[in-house]
């Protein structure tokens, strides 16, 4: 889950932050495609700075939570 906080995109892997969010696979290739296709600007209806989110995806130690309890 990605959240737009004052024009800056932030990762919300626990899906706990309030406000509008957009789903994104936890994969750098999906992130790059979303940036290339201006997907964040469409999802959040305005310009967004993906800098913080880019640093998030560049970090090696990220874990993916299942989207529901059924995957456990």
PDB file of N, CA and C in Angstrom:
ATOM      1  N   UNK A   1       0.850  -1.167   0.000  1.00  0.00           N
ATOM      2  CA  UNK A   1       0.000   0.000   0.000  1.00  0.00           C
ATOM      3  C   UNK A   1       0.894   1.228   0.000  1.00  0.00           C
ATOM      4  N   UNK A   2       0.507   2.210  -0.767  1.00  0.00           N
ATOM      5  CA  UNK A   2       1.229   3.475  -0.869  1.00  0.00           C
ATOM      6  C   UNK A   2       0.287   4.583  -0.435  1.00  0.00           C
ATOM      7  N   UNK A   3       0.785   5.511   0.354  1.00  0.00           N
ATOM      8  CA  UNK A   3      -0.006   6.657   0.799  1.00  0.00           C
ATOM      9  C   UNK A   3       0.631   7.944   0.304  1.00  0.00           C
ATOM     10  N   UNK A   4      -0.197   8.937   0.052  1.00  0.00           N
ATOM     11  CA  UNK A   4       0.254  10.259  -0.370  1.00  0.00           C
ATOM     12  C   UNK A   4       0.135  11.187   0.833  1.00  0.00           C
ATOM     13  N   UNK A   5       1.270  11.597   1.374  1.00  0.00           N
ATOM     14  CA  UNK A   5       1.292  12.488   2.529  1.00  0.00           C
ATOM     15  C   UNK A   5       1.887  13.816   2.084  1.00  0.00           C
ATOM     16  N   UNK A   6       1.045  14.797   1.899  1.00  0.00           N
ATOM     17  CA  UNK A   6       1.469  16.142   1.483  1.00  0.00           C
ATOM     18  C   UNK A   6       2.291  16.128   0.204  1.00  0.00           C
ATOM     19  N   UNK A   7       1.894  15.313  -0.759  1.00  0.00           N
ATOM     20  CA  UNK A   7       2.581  15.260  -2.043  1.00  0.00           C
ATOM     21  C   UNK A   7       3.754  14.305  -2.086  1.00  0.00           C
ATOM     22  N   UNK A   8       4.150  13.733  -0.942  1.00  0.00           N
ATOM     23  CA  UNK A   8       5.234  12.762  -0.895  1.00  0.00           C
ATOM     24  C   UNK A   8       4.657  11.363  -0.722  1.00  0.00           C
ATOM     25  N   UNK A   9       5.123  10.450  -1.528  1.00  0.00           N
ATOM     26  CA  UNK A   9       4.630   9.082  -1.433  1.00  0.00           C
ATOM     27  C   UNK A   9       5.369   8.325  -0.344  1.00  0.00           C
ATOM     28  N   UNK A  10       4.630   7.572   0.451  1.00  0.00           N
ATOM     29  CA  UNK A  10       5.213   6.769   1.514  1.00  0.00           C
ATOM     30  C   UNK A  10       4.668   5.354   1.417  1.00  0.00           C
ATOM     31  N   UNK A  11       5.515   4.397   1.723  1.00  0.00           N
ATOM     32  CA  UNK A  11       5.071   3.008   1.787  1.00  0.00           C
ATOM     33  C   UNK A  11       4.308   2.808   3.093  1.00  0.00           C
ATOM     34  N   UNK A  12       3.249   2.026   3.036  1.00  0.00           N
ATOM     35  CA  UNK A  12       2.462   1.677   4.210  1.00  0.00           C
ATOM     36  C   UNK A  12       2.245   0.166   4.187  1.00  0.00           C
ATOM     37  N   UNK A  13       3.322  -0.614   4.435  1.00  0.00           N
ATOM     38  CA  UNK A  13       3.207  -2.069   4.304  1.00  0.00           C
ATOM     39  C   UNK A  13       2.243  -2.697   5.304  1.00  0.00           C
ATOM     40  N   UNK A  14       2.018  -2.056   6.442  1.00  0.00           N
ATOM     41  CA  UNK A  14       1.078  -2.612   7.417  1.00  0.00           C
ATOM     42  C   UNK A  14      -0.358  -2.195   7.145  1.00  0.00           C
ATOM     43  N   UNK A  15      -0.540  -1.284   6.181  1.00  0.00           N
ATOM     44  CA  UNK A  15      -1.862  -0.805   5.784  1.00  0.00           C
ATOM     45  C   UNK A  15      -2.637  -0.229   6.977  1.00  0.00           C
ATOM     46  N   UNK A  16      -1.974   0.639   7.741  1.00  0.00           N
ATOM     47  CA  UNK A  16      -2.576   1.213   8.938  1.00  0.00           C
ATOM     48  C   UNK A  16      -2.756   2.727   8.877  1.00  0.00           C
ATOM     49  N   UNK A  17      -2.097   3.403   7.965  1.00  0.00           N
ATOM     50  CA  UNK A  17      -2.200   4.861   7.896  1.00  0.00           C
ATOM     51  C   UNK A  17      -3.573   5.282   7.392  1.00  0.00           C
ATOM     52  N   UNK A  18      -4.040   6.379   7.917  1.00  0.00           N
ATOM     53  CA  UNK A  18      -5.332   6.910   7.490  1.00  0.00           C
ATOM     54  C   UNK A  18      -5.204   7.577   6.127  1.00  0.00           C
ATOM     55  N   UNK A  19      -6.293   7.671   5.422  1.00  0.00           N
ATOM     56  CA  UNK A  19      -6.310   8.385   4.152  1.00  0.00           C
ATOM     57  C   UNK A  19      -6.320   7.484   2.944  1.00  0.00           C
ATOM     58  N   UNK A  20      -6.305   8.122   1.805  1.00  0.00           N
ATOM     59  CA  UNK A  20      -6.379   7.425   0.529  1.00  0.00           C
ATOM     60  C   UNK A  20      -5.063   6.703   0.249  1.00  0.00           C
ATOM     61  N   UNK A  21      -5.157   5.509  -0.289  1.00  0.00           N
ATOM     62  CA  UNK A  21      -3.976   4.731  -0.625  1.00  0.00           C
ATOM     63  C   UNK A  21      -4.090   4.150  -2.024  1.00  0.00           C
ATOM     64  N   UNK A  22      -3.013   3.581  -2.488  1.00  0.00           N
ATOM     65  CA  UNK A  22      -2.992   2.921  -3.796  1.00  0.00           C
ATOM     66  C   UNK A  22      -2.199   1.622  -3.632  1.00  0.00           C
ATOM     67  N   UNK A  23      -2.661   0.572  -4.258  1.00  0.00           N
ATOM     68  CA  UNK A  23      -1.982  -0.719  -4.176  1.00  0.00           C
ATOM     69  C   UNK A  23      -0.828  -0.763  -5.163  1.00  0.00           C
ATOM     70  N   UNK A  24       0.265  -1.367  -4.722  1.00  0.00           N
ATOM     71  CA  UNK A  24       1.442  -1.528  -5.564  1.00  0.00           C
ATOM     72  C   UNK A  24       2.146  -2.803  -5.126  1.00  0.00           C
ATOM     73  N   UNK A  25       2.511  -3.641  -6.093  1.00  0.00           N
ATOM     74  CA  UNK A  25       3.273  -4.843  -5.753  1.00  0.00           C
ATOM     75  C   UNK A  25       4.597  -4.448  -5.106  1.00  0.00           C
ATOM     76  N   UNK A  26       5.062  -5.212  -4.141  1.00  0.00           N
ATOM     77  CA  UNK A  26       6.342  -4.889  -3.497  1.00  0.00           C
ATOM     78  C   UNK A  26       7.523  -5.318  -4.358  1.00  0.00           C
ATOM     79  N   UNK A  27       7.595  -4.751  -5.540  1.00  0.00           N
ATOM     80  CA  UNK A  27       8.613  -5.128  -6.521  1.00  0.00           C
ATOM     81  C   UNK A  27       9.111  -3.851  -7.192  1.00  0.00           C
ATOM     82  N   UNK A  28      10.414  -3.717  -7.306  1.00  0.00           N
ATOM     83  CA  UNK A  28      10.977  -2.498  -7.890  1.00  0.00           C
ATOM     84  C   UNK A  28      10.563  -2.324  -9.350  1.00  0.00           C
ATOM     85  N   UNK A  29      10.351  -3.419 -10.075  1.00  0.00           N
ATOM     86  CA  UNK A  29       9.925  -3.318 -11.471  1.00  0.00           C
ATOM     87  C   UNK A  29       8.522  -2.717 -11.570  1.00  0.00           C
ATOM     88  N   UNK A  30       7.626  -3.101 -10.666  1.00  0.00           N
ATOM     89  CA  UNK A  30       6.280  -2.529 -10.664  1.00  0.00           C
ATOM     90  C   UNK A  30       6.314  -1.048 -10.299  1.00  0.00           C
ATOM     91  N   UNK A  31       7.199  -0.706  -9.355  1.00  0.00           N
ATOM     92  CA  UNK A  31       7.356   0.699  -8.979  1.00  0.00           C
ATOM     93  C   UNK A  31       7.838   1.526 -10.169  1.00  0.00           C
ATOM     94  N   UNK A  32       8.848   1.021 -10.866  1.00  0.00           N
ATOM     95  CA  UNK A  32       9.395   1.744 -12.018  1.00  0.00           C
ATOM     96  C   UNK A  32       8.329   1.931 -13.102  1.00  0.00           C
ATOM     97  N   UNK A  33       7.527   0.918 -13.322  1.00  0.00           N
ATOM     98  CA  UNK A  33       6.466   1.012 -14.325  1.00  0.00           C
ATOM     99  C   UNK A  33       5.405   2.026 -13.908  1.00  0.00           C
ATOM    100  N   UNK A  34       5.064   2.046 -12.616  1.00  0.00           N
ATOM    101  CA  UNK A  34       4.073   3.016 -12.127  1.00  0.00           C
ATOM    102  C   UNK A  34       4.583   4.447 -12.289  1.00  0.00           C
ATOM    103  N   UNK A  35       5.872   4.662 -12.039  1.00  0.00           N
ATOM    104  CA  UNK A  35       6.451   5.999 -12.216  1.00  0.00           C
ATOM    105  C   UNK A  35       6.435   6.371 -13.697  1.00  0.00           C
ATOM    106  N   UNK A  36       6.848   5.438 -14.547  1.00  0.00           N
ATOM    107  CA  UNK A  36       6.913   5.689 -15.988  1.00  0.00           C
ATOM    108  C   UNK A  36       5.541   6.027 -16.565  1.00  0.00           C
ATOM    109  N   UNK A  37       4.517   5.338 -16.099  1.00  0.00           N
ATOM    110  CA  UNK A  37       3.161   5.538 -16.627  1.00  0.00           C
ATOM    111  C   UNK A  37       2.356   6.592 -15.865  1.00  0.00           C
ATOM    112  N   UNK A  38       2.999   7.288 -14.929  1.00  0.00           N
ATOM    113  CA  UNK A  38       2.341   8.329 -14.126  1.00  0.00           C
ATOM    114  C   UNK A  38       1.146   7.766 -13.354  1.00  0.00           C
ATOM    115  N   UNK A  39       1.288   6.538 -12.881  1.00  0.00           N
ATOM    116  CA  UNK A  39       0.219   5.865 -12.144  1.00  0.00           C
ATOM    117  C   UNK A  39      -0.081   6.516 -10.802  1.00  0.00           C
ATOM    118  N   UNK A  40       0.941   7.032 -10.133  1.00  0.00           N
ATOM    119  CA  UNK A  40       0.702   7.658  -8.832  1.00  0.00           C
ATOM    120  C   UNK A  40      -0.069   8.960  -8.979  1.00  0.00           C
ATOM    121  N   UNK A  41       0.256   9.731  -9.988  1.00  0.00           N
ATOM    122  CA  UNK A  41      -0.459  10.992 -10.226  1.00  0.00           C
ATOM    123  C   UNK A  41      -1.931  10.717 -10.525  1.00  0.00           C
ATOM    124  N   UNK A  42      -2.206   9.654 -11.267  1.00  0.00           N
ATOM    125  CA  UNK A  42      -3.602   9.294 -11.544  1.00  0.00           C
ATOM    126  C   UNK A  42      -4.297   8.789 -10.288  1.00  0.00           C
ATOM    127  N   UNK A  43      -3.630   7.930  -9.529  1.00  0.00           N
ATOM    128  CA  UNK A  43      -4.246   7.344  -8.341  1.00  0.00           C
ATOM    129  C   UNK A  43      -4.562   8.397  -7.282  1.00  0.00           C
ATOM    130  N   UNK A  44      -3.668   9.366  -7.133  1.00  0.00           N
ATOM    131  CA  UNK A  44      -3.848  10.375  -6.102  1.00  0.00           C
ATOM    132  C   UNK A  44      -4.364  11.700  -6.643  1.00  0.00           C
ATOM    133  N   UNK A  45      -4.701  11.730  -7.922  1.00  0.00           N
ATOM    134  CA  UNK A  45      -5.308  12.904  -8.564  1.00  0.00           C
ATOM    135  C   UNK A  45      -4.474  14.169  -8.375  1.00  0.00           C
ATOM    136  N   UNK A  46      -3.175  14.048  -8.646  1.00  0.00           N
ATOM    137  CA  UNK A  46      -2.280  15.194  -8.541  1.00  0.00           C
ATOM    138  C   UNK A  46      -0.834  14.737  -8.592  1.00  0.00           C
ATOM    139  N   UNK A  47       0.066  15.688  -8.696  1.00  0.00           N
ATOM    140  CA  UNK A  47       1.487  15.353  -8.764  1.00  0.00           C
ATOM    141  C   UNK A  47       1.975  14.813  -7.427  1.00  0.00           C
ATOM    142  N   UNK A  48       2.858  13.839  -7.509  1.00  0.00           N
ATOM    143  CA  UNK A  48       3.421  13.193  -6.324  1.00  0.00           C
ATOM    144  C   UNK A  48       4.920  13.041  -6.505  1.00  0.00           C
ATOM    145  N   UNK A  49       5.647  13.139  -5.403  1.00  0.00           N
ATOM    146  CA  UNK A  49       7.094  12.938  -5.421  1.00  0.00           C
ATOM    147  C   UNK A  49       7.390  11.518  -4.937  1.00  0.00           C
ATOM    148  N   UNK A  50       7.870  10.641  -5.812  1.00  0.00           N
ATOM    149  CA  UNK A  50       8.115   9.257  -5.417  1.00  0.00           C
ATOM    150  C   UNK A  50       9.477   9.023  -4.768  1.00  0.00           C
ATOM    151  N   UNK A  51      10.197  10.076  -4.369  1.00  0.00           N
ATOM    152  CA  UNK A  51      11.551   9.939  -3.833  1.00  0.00           C
ATOM    153  C   UNK A  51      11.645   9.022  -2.617  1.00  0.00           C
ATOM    154  N   UNK A  52      10.783   9.238  -1.610  1.00  0.00           N
ATOM    155  CA  UNK A  52      10.823   8.412  -0.402  1.00  0.00           C
ATOM    156  C   UNK A  52      10.452   6.972  -0.720  1.00  0.00           C
ATOM    157  N   UNK A  53       9.511   6.797  -1.609  1.00  0.00           N
ATOM    158  CA  UNK A  53       9.094   5.447  -1.993  1.00  0.00           C
ATOM    159  C   UNK A  53      10.194   4.749  -2.787  1.00  0.00           C
ATOM    160  N   UNK A  54      10.927   5.507  -3.581  1.00  0.00           N
ATOM    161  CA  UNK A  54      12.049   4.942  -4.328  1.00  0.00           C
ATOM    162  C   UNK A  54      13.130   4.437  -3.369  1.00  0.00           C
ATOM    163  N   UNK A  55      13.394   5.194  -2.326  1.00  0.00           N
ATOM    164  CA  UNK A  55      14.370   4.747  -1.320  1.00  0.00           C
ATOM    165  C   UNK A  55      13.866   3.502  -0.592  1.00  0.00           C
ATOM    166  N   UNK A  56      12.579   3.435  -0.355  1.00  0.00           N
ATOM    167  CA  UNK A  56      11.991   2.263   0.288  1.00  0.00           C
ATOM    168  C   UNK A  56      12.228   1.010  -0.553  1.00  0.00           C
ATOM    169  N   UNK A  57      11.981   1.099  -1.844  1.00  0.00           N
ATOM    170  CA  UNK A  57      12.156  -0.053  -2.722  1.00  0.00           C
ATOM    171  C   UNK A  57      13.624  -0.377  -2.956  1.00  0.00           C
ATOM    172  N   UNK A  58      14.500   0.594  -2.785  1.00  0.00           N
ATOM    173  CA  UNK A  58      15.928   0.339  -2.958  1.00  0.00           C
ATOM    174  C   UNK A  58      16.508  -0.446  -1.782  1.00  0.00           C
ATOM    175  N   UNK A  59      15.873  -0.361  -0.620  1.00  0.00           N
ATOM    176  CA  UNK A  59      16.351  -1.091   0.558  1.00  0.00           C
ATOM    177  C   UNK A  59      16.173  -2.597   0.333  1.00  0.00           C
ATOM    178  N   UNK A  60      17.129  -3.351   0.765  1.00  0.00           N
ATOM    179  CA  UNK A  60      17.125  -4.796   0.547  1.00  0.00           C
ATOM    180  C   UNK A  60      16.232  -5.553   1.516  1.00  0.00           C
ATOM    181  N   UNK A  61      16.142  -5.116   2.736  1.00  0.00           N
ATOM    182  CA  UNK A  61      15.480  -5.901   3.773  1.00  0.00           C
ATOM    183  C   UNK A  61      14.019  -5.500   3.938  1.00  0.00           C
ATOM    184  N   UNK A  62      13.196  -5.896   3.016  1.00  0.00           N
ATOM    185  CA  UNK A  62      11.766  -5.637   3.097  1.00  0.00           C
ATOM    186  C   UNK A  62      11.027  -6.958   3.117  1.00  0.00           C
ATOM    187  N   UNK A  63      10.017  -7.043   3.959  1.00  0.00           N
ATOM    188  CA  UNK A  63       9.198  -8.247   4.012  1.00  0.00           C
ATOM    189  C   UNK A  63       7.819  -7.910   3.484  1.00  0.00           C
ATOM    190  N   UNK A  64       7.188  -8.884   2.902  1.00  0.00           N
ATOM    191  CA  UNK A  64       5.858  -8.710   2.333  1.00  0.00           C
ATOM    192  C   UNK A  64       4.852  -9.380   3.251  1.00  0.00           C
ATOM    193  N   UNK A  65       3.834  -8.624   3.654  1.00  0.00           N
ATOM    194  CA  UNK A  65       2.763  -9.191   4.455  1.00  0.00           C
ATOM    195  C   UNK A  65       1.701  -9.735   3.529  1.00  0.00           C
ATOM    196  N   UNK A  66       1.093 -10.853   3.876  1.00  0.00           N
ATOM    197  CA  UNK A  66      -0.022 -11.342   3.081  1.00  0.00           C
ATOM    198  C   UNK A  66      -1.178 -10.349   3.133  1.00  0.00           C
ATOM    199  N   UNK A  67      -1.963 -10.298   2.085  1.00  0.00           N
ATOM    200  CA  UNK A  67      -3.063  -9.335   2.038  1.00  0.00           C
ATOM    201  C   UNK A  67      -4.246  -9.764   2.882  1.00  0.00           C
ATOM    202  N   UNK A  68      -4.319 -11.018   3.238  1.00  0.00           N
ATOM    203  CA  UNK A  68      -5.367 -11.501   4.138  1.00  0.00           C
ATOM    204  C   UNK A  68      -4.799 -12.658   4.931  1.00  0.00           C
ATOM    205  N   UNK A  69      -5.548 -13.150   5.866  1.00  0.00           N
ATOM    206  CA  UNK A  69      -5.076 -14.243   6.689  1.00  0.00           C
ATOM    207  C   UNK A  69      -5.110 -15.583   5.996  1.00  0.00           C
ATOM    208  N   UNK A  70      -5.676 -15.646   4.796  1.00  0.00           N
ATOM    209  CA  UNK A  70      -5.835 -16.926   4.117  1.00  0.00           C
ATOM    210  C   UNK A  70      -4.542 -17.495   3.574  1.00  0.00           C
ATOM    211  N   UNK A  71      -3.488 -16.667   3.420  1.00  0.00           N
ATOM    212  CA  UNK A  71      -2.231 -17.158   2.862  1.00  0.00           C
ATOM    213  C   UNK A  71      -1.362 -17.854   3.893  1.00  0.00           C
ATOM    214  N   UNK A  72      -1.691 -17.734   5.169  1.00  0.00           N
ATOM    215  CA  UNK A  72      -0.850 -18.318   6.225  1.00  0.00           C
ATOM    216  C   UNK A  72      -1.031 -19.800   6.333  1.00  0.00           C
TER     217      UNK A  72
END
